[in-house]
Amino acid sequence: MRVLAIDTALAACAAAVLDTSDGIVASETSPMVRGHAEALMPLIARVMKQSGLTFRDLDRIAVTIGPGSFTGVRVGLAAARGFGVATNVPVVGISTLSVYAAPYLAGNNSKTSVVAAIDARHQHVFLQVFGPGGQTLVSPRLAPLSEAIRAASSAPACLVGSAARAVADGLSKHVPAPRTVDAREAPDIGWVAQIGAVTTPPQSAPNPQYLRAPDAQPQNAAQLPRR
């Protein structure tokens, strides 16, 4: 299976092509907080050229659906859906929280949990907690940072996501130390591709996972009356 993976949900613009027979055959990641819309198409073009494939050669497109930046999520989803419609290739949506956790769940044969926390600002995080085998212990949600700290304090855990360091810093010295603190600002695009390859399209529709209302709201009270 050949998968094009796209991620613009957080602080990077990234794409990769996975051939399940050969592994990642092309990949590029550009760290950025904004400007994804301008950077994404040229980046995908470079990755596809490096892979030696055309869009018709793809079997699937995988795209991160959030949680993350409202604008970034929309940019990636629009591109993935557009390519999917143009080439009749199925598109699957992948949670950024699950991508952060994936490397640690793949080799997790112990009872260690994985706490995935993405900075949502104002002492809040996008949170999901995974148990051994990948089962969800705490479903994806917008939560106070204190809730993520409590989730990480019950037993040694792997802390992943852009808020992982904040969670680790909030732990008491009297609780078990985290096994891992991986605070990268964006997940590994290679794992987006790998998860996309094993995801069932009907069960993973490419729909945004915002987990909160937008910061900008229409000012209904200031609307002028219609004539």
C-alpha atoms as a PDB file:
ATOM      1  CA  MET A   1       0.000   0.000   0.000  1.00  0.00           C
ATOM      2  CA  ARG A   2       1.178   3.493  -0.883  1.00  0.00           C
ATOM      3  CA  VAL A   3       0.101   6.299   1.429  1.00  0.00           C
ATOM      4  CA  LEU A   4       0.544  10.052   1.207  1.00  0.00           C
ATOM      5  CA  ALA A   5       0.523  11.570   4.715  1.00  0.00           C
ATOM      6  CA  ILE A   6      -0.152  15.268   5.372  1.00  0.00           C
ATOM      7  CA  ASP A   7       0.158  17.207   8.638  1.00  0.00           C
ATOM      8  CA  THR A   8      -0.458  20.911   9.142  1.00  0.00           C
ATOM      9  CA  ALA A   9      -2.366  20.740  12.436  1.00  0.00           C
ATOM     10  CA  LEU A  10       0.364  22.053  14.743  1.00  0.00           C
ATOM     11  CA  ALA A  11       3.743  23.757  14.502  1.00  0.00           C
ATOM     12  CA  ALA A  12       4.947  22.109  11.295  1.00  0.00           C
ATOM     13  CA  CYS A  13       4.043  21.616   7.676  1.00  0.00           C
ATOM     14  CA  ALA A  14       4.862  18.034   6.731  1.00  0.00           C
ATOM     15  CA  ALA A  15       4.226  15.356   4.139  1.00  0.00           C
ATOM     16  CA  ALA A  16       5.522  11.852   3.564  1.00  0.00           C
ATOM     17  CA  VAL A  17       4.981   8.932   1.230  1.00  0.00           C
ATOM     18  CA  LEU A  18       4.917   5.443   2.689  1.00  0.00           C
ATOM     19  CA  ASP A  19       5.191   2.235   0.673  1.00  0.00           C
ATOM     20  CA  THR A  20       4.342  -0.552   3.091  1.00  0.00           C
ATOM     21  CA  SER A  21       6.772  -2.820   1.224  1.00  0.00           C
ATOM     22  CA  ASP A  22       9.703  -0.399   1.462  1.00  0.00           C
ATOM     23  CA  GLY A  23       8.913   1.986   4.333  1.00  0.00           C
ATOM     24  CA  ILE A  24       9.025   5.783   4.085  1.00  0.00           C
ATOM     25  CA  VAL A  25      10.263   6.583   0.564  1.00  0.00           C
ATOM     26  CA  ALA A  26      10.014  10.389   0.806  1.00  0.00           C
ATOM     27  CA  SER A  27       9.455  12.855   3.622  1.00  0.00           C
ATOM     28  CA  GLU A  28       9.812  16.540   4.429  1.00  0.00           C
ATOM     29  CA  THR A  29       8.964  18.532   7.546  1.00  0.00           C
ATOM     30  CA  SER A  30       9.201  22.316   7.869  1.00  0.00           C
ATOM     31  CA  PRO A  31       8.684  23.736  11.373  1.00  0.00           C
ATOM     32  CA  MET A  32       6.291  26.701  11.287  1.00  0.00           C
ATOM     33  CA  VAL A  33       3.573  28.252  13.415  1.00  0.00           C
ATOM     34  CA  ARG A  34       1.754  29.937  10.527  1.00  0.00           C
ATOM     35  CA  GLY A  35       2.005  30.018   6.750  1.00  0.00           C
ATOM     36  CA  HIS A  36       0.916  26.401   6.213  1.00  0.00           C
ATOM     37  CA  ALA A  37      -1.422  27.314   3.359  1.00  0.00           C
ATOM     38  CA  GLU A  38       1.389  28.838   1.303  1.00  0.00           C
ATOM     39  CA  ALA A  39       3.938  26.130   2.130  1.00  0.00           C
ATOM     40  CA  LEU A  40       1.899  22.955   1.817  1.00  0.00           C
ATOM     41  CA  MET A  41       1.392  22.512  -1.931  1.00  0.00           C
ATOM     42  CA  PRO A  42       5.036  23.112  -2.923  1.00  0.00           C
ATOM     43  CA  LEU A  43       6.125  20.805  -0.096  1.00  0.00           C
ATOM     44  CA  ILE A  44       3.796  18.013  -1.272  1.00  0.00           C
ATOM     45  CA  ALA A  45       5.042  18.480  -4.838  1.00  0.00           C
ATOM     46  CA  ARG A  46       8.633  18.013  -3.679  1.00  0.00           C
ATOM     47  CA  VAL A  47       7.778  14.921  -1.651  1.00  0.00           C
ATOM     48  CA  MET A  48       5.839  13.327  -4.508  1.00  0.00           C
ATOM     49  CA  LYS A  49       8.719  14.048  -6.917  1.00  0.00           C
ATOM     50  CA  GLN A  50      11.192  12.528  -4.459  1.00  0.00           C
ATOM     51  CA  SER A  51       9.031   9.412  -4.141  1.00  0.00           C
ATOM     52  CA  GLY A  52       8.909   8.877  -7.887  1.00  0.00           C
ATOM     53  CA  LEU A  53       5.152   8.320  -7.708  1.00  0.00           C
ATOM     54  CA  THR A  54       2.146  10.106  -9.142  1.00  0.00           C
ATOM     55  CA  PHE A  55      -1.099  10.721  -7.282  1.00  0.00           C
ATOM     56  CA  ARG A  56      -2.656   7.937  -9.360  1.00  0.00           C
ATOM     57  CA  ASP A  57      -0.169   5.520  -7.811  1.00  0.00           C
ATOM     58  CA  LEU A  58      -1.466   6.203  -4.293  1.00  0.00           C
ATOM     59  CA  ASP A  59      -3.809   3.837  -2.469  1.00  0.00           C
ATOM     60  CA  ARG A  60      -4.674   6.174   0.390  1.00  0.00           C
ATOM     61  CA  ILE A  61      -4.197   9.691   1.739  1.00  0.00           C
ATOM     62  CA  ALA A  62      -3.851  10.230   5.495  1.00  0.00           C
ATOM     63  CA  VAL A  63      -4.240  13.646   7.105  1.00  0.00           C
ATOM     64  CA  THR A  64      -4.143  14.900  10.677  1.00  0.00           C
ATOM     65  CA  ILE A  65      -7.540  16.200  11.825  1.00  0.00           C
ATOM     66  CA  GLY A  66      -6.517  17.877  15.087  1.00  0.00           C
ATOM     67  CA  PRO A  67      -6.758  18.833  17.766  1.00  0.00           C
ATOM     68  CA  GLY A  68      -4.532  21.747  16.932  1.00  0.00           C
ATOM     69  CA  SER A  69      -4.682  25.056  15.121  1.00  0.00           C
ATOM     70  CA  PHE A  70      -8.066  25.792  13.550  1.00  0.00           C
ATOM     71  CA  THR A  71      -6.420  27.221  10.450  1.00  0.00           C
ATOM     72  CA  GLY A  72      -3.786  24.506  10.218  1.00  0.00           C
ATOM     73  CA  VAL A  73      -6.327  21.702  10.501  1.00  0.00           C
ATOM     74  CA  ARG A  74      -8.470  23.227   7.761  1.00  0.00           C
ATOM     75  CA  VAL A  75      -5.485  23.659   5.434  1.00  0.00           C
ATOM     76  CA  GLY A  76      -4.476  20.006   5.656  1.00  0.00           C
ATOM     77  CA  LEU A  77      -8.018  18.704   5.381  1.00  0.00           C
ATOM     78  CA  ALA A  78      -8.802  20.844   2.336  1.00  0.00           C
ATOM     79  CA  ALA A  79      -5.692  19.622   0.537  1.00  0.00           C
ATOM     80  CA  ALA A  80      -6.273  15.955   1.387  1.00  0.00           C
ATOM     81  CA  ARG A  81      -9.941  16.060   0.393  1.00  0.00           C
ATOM     82  CA  GLY A  82      -9.082  17.851  -2.844  1.00  0.00           C
ATOM     83  CA  PHE A  83      -6.490  15.260  -3.815  1.00  0.00           C
ATOM     84  CA  GLY A  84      -8.886  12.485  -2.835  1.00  0.00           C
ATOM     85  CA  VAL A  85     -11.691  13.804  -5.032  1.00  0.00           C
ATOM     86  CA  ALA A  86      -9.378  14.468  -7.978  1.00  0.00           C
ATOM     87  CA  THR A  87      -7.788  11.000  -7.898  1.00  0.00           C
ATOM     88  CA  ASN A  88     -10.617   8.913  -6.384  1.00  0.00           C
ATOM     89  CA  VAL A  89      -8.246   7.844  -3.587  1.00  0.00           C
ATOM     90  CA  PRO A  90      -9.767   7.286  -0.121  1.00  0.00           C
ATOM     91  CA  VAL A  91      -8.829   9.814   2.575  1.00  0.00           C
ATOM     92  CA  VAL A  92      -8.526   8.914   6.277  1.00  0.00           C
ATOM     93  CA  GLY A  93      -8.308  11.286   9.234  1.00  0.00           C
ATOM     94  CA  ILE A  94      -5.766  10.718  12.011  1.00  0.00           C
ATOM     95  CA  SER A  95      -5.834  12.363  15.453  1.00  0.00           C
ATOM     96  CA  THR A  96      -2.712  14.305  16.387  1.00  0.00           C
ATOM     97  CA  LEU A  97      -2.973  12.876  19.911  1.00  0.00           C
ATOM     98  CA  SER A  98      -2.848   9.309  18.585  1.00  0.00           C
ATOM     99  CA  VAL A  99       0.133  10.133  16.363  1.00  0.00           C
ATOM    100  CA  TYR A 100       2.078  11.505  19.337  1.00  0.00           C
ATOM    101  CA  ALA A 101       1.328   8.336  21.311  1.00  0.00           C
ATOM    102  CA  ALA A 102       1.912   5.814  18.519  1.00  0.00           C
ATOM    103  CA  PRO A 103       5.717   5.324  18.855  1.00  0.00           C
ATOM    104  CA  TYR A 104       5.348   4.523  22.546  1.00  0.00           C
ATOM    105  CA  LEU A 105       2.300   2.299  22.170  1.00  0.00           C
ATOM    106  CA  ALA A 106       3.957   0.297  19.386  1.00  0.00           C
ATOM    107  CA  GLY A 107       6.653  -0.984  21.707  1.00  0.00           C
ATOM    108  CA  ASN A 108       4.673  -0.845  24.936  1.00  0.00           C
ATOM    109  CA  ASN A 109       4.547  -4.368  26.333  1.00  0.00           C
ATOM    110  CA  SER A 110       4.383  -3.251  29.962  1.00  0.00           C
ATOM    111  CA  LYS A 111       1.674  -1.575  32.002  1.00  0.00           C
ATOM    112  CA  THR A 112       2.949   1.890  31.162  1.00  0.00           C
ATOM    113  CA  SER A 113       0.302   4.381  30.069  1.00  0.00           C
ATOM    114  CA  VAL A 114       0.825   7.182  27.572  1.00  0.00           C
ATOM    115  CA  VAL A 115      -0.427  10.681  28.380  1.00  0.00           C
ATOM    116  CA  ALA A 116      -0.723  12.786  25.222  1.00  0.00           C
ATOM    117  CA  ALA A 117      -1.113  16.505  25.919  1.00  0.00           C
ATOM    118  CA  ILE A 118      -1.053  19.358  23.399  1.00  0.00           C
ATOM    119  CA  ASP A 119      -0.762  22.960  24.560  1.00  0.00           C
ATOM    120  CA  ALA A 120      -4.162  24.654  24.187  1.00  0.00           C
ATOM    121  CA  ARG A 121      -3.051  27.858  25.961  1.00  0.00           C
ATOM    122  CA  HIS A 122      -4.409  29.478  29.117  1.00  0.00           C
ATOM    123  CA  GLN A 123      -3.390  26.531  31.333  1.00  0.00           C
ATOM    124  CA  HIS A 124      -5.406  24.080  29.241  1.00  0.00           C
ATOM    125  CA  VAL A 125      -4.382  21.124  27.093  1.00  0.00           C
ATOM    126  CA  PHE A 126      -5.878  18.809  24.528  1.00  0.00           C
ATOM    127  CA  LEU A 127      -5.655  15.531  26.412  1.00  0.00           C
ATOM    128  CA  GLN A 128      -5.936  11.818  25.733  1.00  0.00           C
ATOM    129  CA  VAL A 129      -4.640   8.973  27.912  1.00  0.00           C
ATOM    130  CA  PHE A 130      -3.835   5.569  26.448  1.00  0.00           C
ATOM    131  CA  GLY A 131      -3.332   2.292  28.270  1.00  0.00           C
ATOM    132  CA  PRO A 132      -1.309  -0.763  27.194  1.00  0.00           C
ATOM    133  CA  GLY A 133      -2.379  -1.978  23.786  1.00  0.00           C
ATOM    134  CA  GLY A 134      -3.627   1.455  22.848  1.00  0.00           C
ATOM    135  CA  GLN A 135      -6.994   1.372  24.584  1.00  0.00           C
ATOM    136  CA  THR A 136      -8.292   4.813  25.503  1.00  0.00           C
ATOM    137  CA  LEU A 137      -8.407   5.454  29.255  1.00  0.00           C
ATOM    138  CA  VAL A 138      -9.296   9.153  28.954  1.00  0.00           C
ATOM    139  CA  SER A 139     -11.077  10.168  25.756  1.00  0.00           C
ATOM    140  CA  PRO A 140      -9.869  13.170  23.733  1.00  0.00           C
ATOM    141  CA  ARG A 141     -10.910  16.412  25.409  1.00  0.00           C
ATOM    142  CA  LEU A 142     -10.001  19.971  26.230  1.00  0.00           C
ATOM    143  CA  ALA A 143      -8.912  19.846  29.867  1.00  0.00           C
ATOM    144  CA  PRO A 144      -7.164  21.954  32.493  1.00  0.00           C
ATOM    145  CA  LEU A 145      -3.441  21.313  32.718  1.00  0.00           C
ATOM    146  CA  SER A 146      -4.077  20.083  36.269  1.00  0.00           C
ATOM    147  CA  GLU A 147      -6.159  17.183  34.906  1.00  0.00           C
ATOM    148  CA  ALA A 148      -3.273  16.035  32.704  1.00  0.00           C
ATOM    149  CA  ILE A 149      -0.925  16.252  35.681  1.00  0.00           C
ATOM    150  CA  ARG A 150      -3.287  14.102  37.758  1.00  0.00           C
ATOM    151  CA  ALA A 151      -3.507  11.564  34.942  1.00  0.00           C
ATOM    152  CA  ALA A 152       0.288  11.311  34.849  1.00  0.00           C
ATOM    153  CA  SER A 153       0.725  11.065  38.614  1.00  0.00           C
ATOM    154  CA  SER A 154      -0.941   7.712  39.297  1.00  0.00           C
ATOM    155  CA  ALA A 155       1.863   5.598  37.790  1.00  0.00           C
ATOM    156  CA  PRO A 156       4.996   6.016  35.681  1.00  0.00           C
ATOM    157  CA  ALA A 157       3.854   7.153  32.239  1.00  0.00           C
ATOM    158  CA  CYS A 158       5.195   8.316  28.902  1.00  0.00           C
ATOM    159  CA  LEU A 159       4.377  12.008  28.479  1.00  0.00           C
ATOM    160  CA  VAL A 160       4.114  13.127  24.866  1.00  0.00           C
ATOM    161  CA  GLY A 161       2.962  16.230  23.018  1.00  0.00           C
ATOM    162  CA  SER A 162       3.784  19.913  23.036  1.00  0.00           C
ATOM    163  CA  ALA A 163       2.558  20.213  26.650  1.00  0.00           C
ATOM    164  CA  ALA A 164       4.493  17.176  27.900  1.00  0.00           C
ATOM    165  CA  ARG A 165       7.145  19.296  29.608  1.00  0.00           C
ATOM    166  CA  ALA A 166       4.492  21.396  31.377  1.00  0.00           C
ATOM    167  CA  VAL A 167       2.848  18.196  32.634  1.00  0.00           C
ATOM    168  CA  ALA A 168       6.179  16.835  33.842  1.00  0.00           C
ATOM    169  CA  ASP A 169       7.035  20.097  35.596  1.00  0.00           C
ATOM    170  CA  GLY A 170       3.711  19.975  37.434  1.00  0.00           C
ATOM    171  CA  LEU A 171       4.289  16.539  38.901  1.00  0.00           C
ATOM    172  CA  SER A 172       5.086  16.334  42.572  1.00  0.00           C
ATOM    173  CA  LYS A 173       8.519  15.069  43.539  1.00  0.00           C
ATOM    174  CA  HIS A 174       6.732  12.392  45.539  1.00  0.00           C
ATOM    175  CA  VAL A 175       5.072  10.682  42.547  1.00  0.00           C
ATOM    176  CA  PRO A 176       6.794   8.242  40.160  1.00  0.00           C
ATOM    177  CA  ALA A 177       8.948  10.014  37.592  1.00  0.00           C
ATOM    178  CA  PRO A 178       7.715   9.821  33.987  1.00  0.00           C
ATOM    179  CA  ARG A 179       9.387   7.197  31.850  1.00  0.00           C
ATOM    180  CA  THR A 180       9.637   9.535  28.883  1.00  0.00           C
ATOM    181  CA  VAL A 181       9.036  13.228  28.243  1.00  0.00           C
ATOM    182  CA  ASP A 182       8.718  13.857  24.507  1.00  0.00           C
ATOM    183  CA  ALA A 183       7.709  17.502  24.083  1.00  0.00           C
ATOM    184  CA  ARG A 184       8.198  17.977  20.355  1.00  0.00           C
ATOM    185  CA  GLU A 185       5.999  20.690  18.830  1.00  0.00           C
ATOM    186  CA  ALA A 186       4.533  18.462  16.114  1.00  0.00           C
ATOM    187  CA  PRO A 187       4.177  14.690  15.724  1.00  0.00           C
ATOM    188  CA  ASP A 188       6.313  12.528  13.423  1.00  0.00           C
ATOM    189  CA  ILE A 189       4.868  12.568   9.898  1.00  0.00           C
ATOM    190  CA  GLY A 190       6.086   9.011   9.376  1.00  0.00           C
ATOM    191  CA  TRP A 191       3.677   7.804  12.042  1.00  0.00           C
ATOM    192  CA  VAL A 192       0.809   9.641  10.346  1.00  0.00           C
ATOM    193  CA  ALA A 193       1.549   7.534   7.274  1.00  0.00           C
ATOM    194  CA  GLN A 194       1.893   4.285   9.223  1.00  0.00           C
ATOM    195  CA  ILE A 195      -1.361   4.773  11.112  1.00  0.00           C
ATOM    196  CA  GLY A 196      -3.065   5.772   7.879  1.00  0.00           C
ATOM    197  CA  ALA A 197      -1.989   2.520   6.246  1.00  0.00           C
ATOM    198  CA  VAL A 198      -3.775   0.404   8.861  1.00  0.00           C
ATOM    199  CA  THR A 199      -6.822   2.627   9.363  1.00  0.00           C
ATOM    200  CA  THR A 200     -10.196   1.632   7.915  1.00  0.00           C
ATOM    201  CA  PRO A 201     -11.484   4.518   5.756  1.00  0.00           C
ATOM    202  CA  PRO A 202     -15.209   4.242   6.667  1.00  0.00           C
ATOM    203  CA  GLN A 203     -14.361   4.435  10.383  1.00  0.00           C
ATOM    204  CA  SER A 204     -11.870   7.301  10.110  1.00  0.00           C
ATOM    205  CA  ALA A 205     -13.544   9.993   8.069  1.00  0.00           C
ATOM    206  CA  PRO A 206     -11.432  13.124   7.482  1.00  0.00           C
ATOM    207  CA  ASN A 207     -13.491  15.360   9.745  1.00  0.00           C
ATOM    208  CA  PRO A 208     -11.893  18.014  11.986  1.00  0.00           C
ATOM    209  CA  GLN A 209     -11.399  17.265  15.679  1.00  0.00           C
ATOM    210  CA  TYR A 210     -11.270  20.746  17.172  1.00  0.00           C
ATOM    211  CA  LEU A 211     -12.357  19.871  20.760  1.00  0.00           C
ATOM    212  CA  ARG A 212     -13.183  23.518  21.463  1.00  0.00           C
ATOM    213  CA  ALA A 213     -15.087  26.425  19.998  1.00  0.00           C
ATOM    214  CA  PRO A 214     -13.164  28.927  17.850  1.00  0.00           C
ATOM    215  CA  ASP A 215     -11.585  31.909  19.593  1.00  0.00           C
ATOM    216  CA  ALA A 216     -13.182  34.303  17.101  1.00  0.00           C
ATOM    217  CA  GLN A 217     -16.957  34.472  17.421  1.00  0.00           C
ATOM    218  CA  PRO A 218     -19.425  36.536  15.349  1.00  0.00           C
ATOM    219  CA  GLN A 219     -20.637  39.629  17.163  1.00  0.00           C
ATOM    220  CA  ASN A 220     -24.342  38.987  16.765  1.00  0.00           C
ATOM    221  CA  ALA A 221     -25.279  41.827  19.098  1.00  0.00           C
ATOM    222  CA  ALA A 222     -23.549  44.302  16.816  1.00  0.00           C
ATOM    223  CA  GLN A 223     -25.297  43.220  13.643  1.00  0.00           C
ATOM    224  CA  LEU A 224     -27.255  45.903  11.840  1.00  0.00           C
ATOM    225  CA  PRO A 225     -31.009  45.246  11.517  1.00  0.00           C
ATOM    226  CA  ARG A 226     -32.177  44.053   8.135  1.00  0.00           C
ATOM    227  CA  ARG A 227     -34.352  46.409   6.139  1.00  0.00           C
END
